[in-house]
Protein backbone atom coordinates (compact mmCIF):
# COMPACT_ATOMS: atom_id res chain seq x y z
CA MET A 1 3.53 -8.44 -21.93
CA GLN A 2 -0.16 -8.57 -20.61
CA ILE A 3 -1.18 -6.42 -17.56
CA GLU A 4 -4.66 -6.91 -16.14
CA ILE A 5 -6.48 -5.09 -13.43
CA HIS A 6 -9.41 -7.18 -11.99
CA ARG A 7 -11.72 -4.72 -9.91
CA LEU A 8 -12.86 -6.75 -6.84
CA ALA A 9 -14.77 -4.52 -4.57
CA SER A 10 -16.24 -0.92 -5.03
CA ASN A 11 -18.25 1.69 -3.33
CA HIS A 12 -19.25 5.27 -3.98
CA LEU A 13 -15.70 6.43 -3.03
CA TYR A 14 -12.95 3.98 -4.08
CA THR A 15 -12.69 0.73 -5.89
CA GLU A 16 -10.07 -1.84 -4.99
CA GLY A 17 -8.54 -4.46 -7.19
CA LEU A 18 -5.86 -6.87 -8.21
CA ILE A 19 -3.22 -6.27 -10.81
CA THR A 20 -1.53 -9.30 -12.56
CA VAL A 21 1.31 -9.37 -15.08
CA ASN A 22 1.29 -12.30 -17.54
CA GLY A 23 -1.15 -14.00 -15.46
CA ALA A 24 0.62 -13.85 -12.18
CA ASN A 25 -0.62 -11.76 -9.30
CA PHE A 26 1.60 -8.75 -8.84
CA SER A 27 -0.09 -6.14 -6.43
CA HIS A 28 -3.19 -4.64 -5.34
CA THR A 29 -4.75 -1.53 -6.81
CA ILE A 30 -6.99 1.25 -5.54
CA GLU A 31 -8.80 3.98 -7.75
CA HIS A 32 -11.25 6.63 -7.51
CA THR A 33 -14.62 5.21 -8.28
CA PHE A 34 -16.10 8.30 -9.85
CA ASN A 35 -13.35 8.56 -12.26
CA MET A 36 -12.29 5.19 -13.17
CA LEU A 37 -11.23 4.20 -16.64
CA PRO A 38 -13.76 2.32 -18.58
CA ILE A 39 -13.48 -1.48 -18.85
CA GLY A 40 -11.44 -2.27 -21.94
CA ARG A 41 -7.83 -2.49 -23.49
CA TYR A 42 -5.22 0.08 -23.32
CA LYS A 43 -1.69 0.52 -24.16
CA ILE A 44 1.09 1.09 -21.58
CA GLU A 45 4.15 3.23 -22.33
CA LEU A 46 6.94 4.55 -19.87
CA LYS A 47 6.73 8.63 -20.03
CA LYS A 48 8.65 11.30 -18.26
CA LEU A 49 6.49 14.28 -17.10
CA ASN A 50 9.66 16.27 -16.15
CA CYS A 51 13.23 15.64 -15.69
CA SER A 52 12.96 13.90 -12.46
CA HIS A 53 9.54 12.22 -12.54
CA ARG A 54 8.71 9.13 -14.54
CA VAL A 55 5.15 7.53 -14.85
CA ILE A 56 3.58 4.53 -16.34
CA ALA A 57 1.29 6.13 -18.82
CA ILE A 58 -2.18 4.32 -19.92
CA ILE A 59 -3.06 5.16 -23.54
CA PRO A 60 -6.08 4.18 -25.50
CA LEU A 61 -5.39 1.09 -27.60
CA HIS A 62 -7.33 2.26 -30.74
CA ALA A 63 -7.38 6.06 -30.51
CA SER A 64 -7.16 7.86 -34.04
CA ILE A 65 -5.20 10.81 -32.46
CA THR A 66 -3.00 9.33 -29.69
CA PRO A 67 -3.00 11.61 -26.63
CA ASP A 68 -0.07 11.85 -24.24
CA PHE A 69 -2.07 9.57 -21.91
CA VAL A 70 -5.51 9.12 -20.33
CA SER A 71 -4.42 7.78 -16.96
CA ILE A 72 -1.17 6.63 -14.93
CA ILE A 73 -0.25 3.71 -12.77
CA GLU A 74 1.46 5.53 -9.88
CA GLN A 75 2.79 5.41 -6.24
CA GLY A 76 0.61 7.15 -3.79
CA ASN A 77 -1.32 7.17 -0.50
CA SER A 78 -4.57 5.48 0.72
CA TRP A 79 -6.64 8.57 -0.57
CA ILE A 80 -5.47 7.86 -4.07
CA THR A 81 -3.40 11.03 -4.14
CA ALA A 82 -0.72 10.22 -6.47
CA GLN A 83 2.87 11.07 -4.94
CA ASN A 84 4.23 13.25 -7.60
CA ILE A 85 1.19 15.13 -8.87
CA THR A 86 -1.31 17.55 -7.07
CA LEU A 87 -4.82 16.45 -5.82
CA LYS A 88 -6.44 18.33 -8.81
CA GLN A 89 -4.31 16.36 -11.26
CA SER A 90 -4.83 13.28 -9.55
CA LEU A 91 -8.81 13.76 -9.87
CA THR A 92 -8.71 14.53 -13.69
CA MET A 93 -6.01 11.83 -14.44
CA SER A 94 -7.68 9.03 -12.42
CA PRO A 95 -4.46 7.46 -11.21
CA ILE A 96 -4.26 3.66 -10.55
CA ILE A 97 -2.35 3.37 -7.28
CA ILE A 98 -0.70 0.01 -6.53
CA GLY A 99 0.85 -1.50 -3.47
CA THR A 100 -0.09 -4.05 -0.60
CA PRO A 101 -3.47 -3.60 1.16
CA LEU A 102 -3.24 -2.56 4.71
CA THR A 103 -7.05 -2.51 5.49
CA PRO A 104 -9.98 -1.87 3.03
CA GLY A 105 -9.24 1.45 1.18
CA VAL A 106 -5.69 1.66 2.38
CA ILE A 107 -2.65 0.77 0.37
CA LYS A 108 0.93 0.58 1.79
CA CYS A 109 4.43 -0.25 0.22
CA SER A 110 3.15 1.75 -2.84
CA SER A 111 6.73 3.04 -3.76
CA GLU A 112 8.11 -0.58 -3.75
CA ALA A 113 5.31 -1.96 -6.08
CA TYR A 114 5.60 0.98 -8.50
CA ASN A 115 9.42 0.67 -8.80
CA ARG A 116 9.13 -3.12 -9.44
CA LEU A 117 6.52 -2.73 -12.00
CA TYR A 118 8.58 0.29 -13.67
CA GLU A 119 11.66 -1.70 -13.79
CA ARG A 120 10.06 -4.78 -15.18
CA LEU A 121 8.38 -2.59 -17.97
CA LYS A 122 11.75 -0.86 -18.67
CA LYS A 123 13.19 -4.33 -19.50
CA CYS A 124 10.42 -5.35 -21.58
CA ARG A 125 10.95 -5.45 -25.35
CA THR A 126 7.49 -6.26 -26.50
CA GLU A 127 4.20 -3.84 -26.51
CA VAL A 128 2.63 -3.90 -23.18
CA THR A 129 -1.24 -3.80 -23.03
CA LEU A 130 -3.53 -3.35 -20.16
CA THR A 131 -6.97 -4.95 -19.84
CA ILE A 132 -9.22 -3.65 -17.20
CA ARG A 133 -12.06 -6.19 -16.07
CA ASP A 134 -14.71 -5.83 -13.44
CA ASN A 135 -16.50 -9.20 -13.77
CA LEU A 136 -15.67 -9.97 -9.97
CA CYS A 137 -16.48 -6.52 -8.72
CA LYS A 138 -18.77 -6.59 -5.66
CA PRO A 139 -20.11 -3.62 -3.52
CA ASN A 140 -18.56 -2.99 -0.27
CA VAL A 141 -18.74 -0.37 2.47
CA PRO A 142 -16.26 2.60 2.68
CA SER A 143 -13.62 2.40 5.44
CA SER A 144 -14.22 4.78 8.16
CA HIS A 145 -11.17 6.94 7.29
CA TRP A 146 -12.86 7.55 4.02
CA LEU A 147 -16.04 8.60 5.51
CA LYS A 148 -14.15 11.04 7.82
CA ARG A 149 -12.67 12.49 4.73
CA GLU A 150 -16.05 12.94 2.92
CA THR A 151 -17.56 14.66 5.69
CA ARG A 152 -14.97 17.32 5.52
CA ASN A 153 -16.92 18.83 2.58
CA LEU A 154 -14.85 17.44 0.01
CA THR A 155 -16.75 17.11 -3.10
CA PHE A 156 -15.88 14.91 -5.97
CA HIS A 157 -17.33 15.19 -9.52
CA ARG A 158 -17.32 12.55 -12.29
CA CYS A 159 -15.12 13.68 -15.22
CA ASN A 160 -16.37 12.82 -18.56
C-alpha cells in the first residue's frame, strides 16, 4: 500500500496537506511547520504505546538501526495536539493529524479519519510506505486562532 502526503500550504506555524492512499484522496493533514518530517520515504507500522492506545507509526525506510518510530499519524485537534499524547510529546514526535478541514489551520472529524485509516492498514497484508512531498506547497497566512495562541507567549523550537 502506498500512502502519500502532499503538503499544500505552509506558514511559520502550521502546514496543511492532503493524504492519499493508493492514489485516491483520503483526508487532509495538518502538522507543525517547525518540526515536520523531511521530504522522503518512510515505512508505516501499527504499534501500541500502551494497552489501550494504538498509533500509526512512521519509521525511516533505510535506517541501519530501526528506532521505535520517528513520528505518528494521529487524531487530534486544530492546534496539532494529538489526542492521546501530551503537548510536549506532540512537539517532539511531530505528529501528522488527519481529518476534514473546517477552516485554514483547523481539522475536524479527526477520529473518524484516523479510525478509517487504521482499519485499512490493519487489513493490509503488504508493506505500507509513506512518501512525503511538498512540490505543491505555497505560503499562506496563519489563521487568527493560531495567531492568538502565538501571542500567549508559547514558544516553539525546531527539533533536530
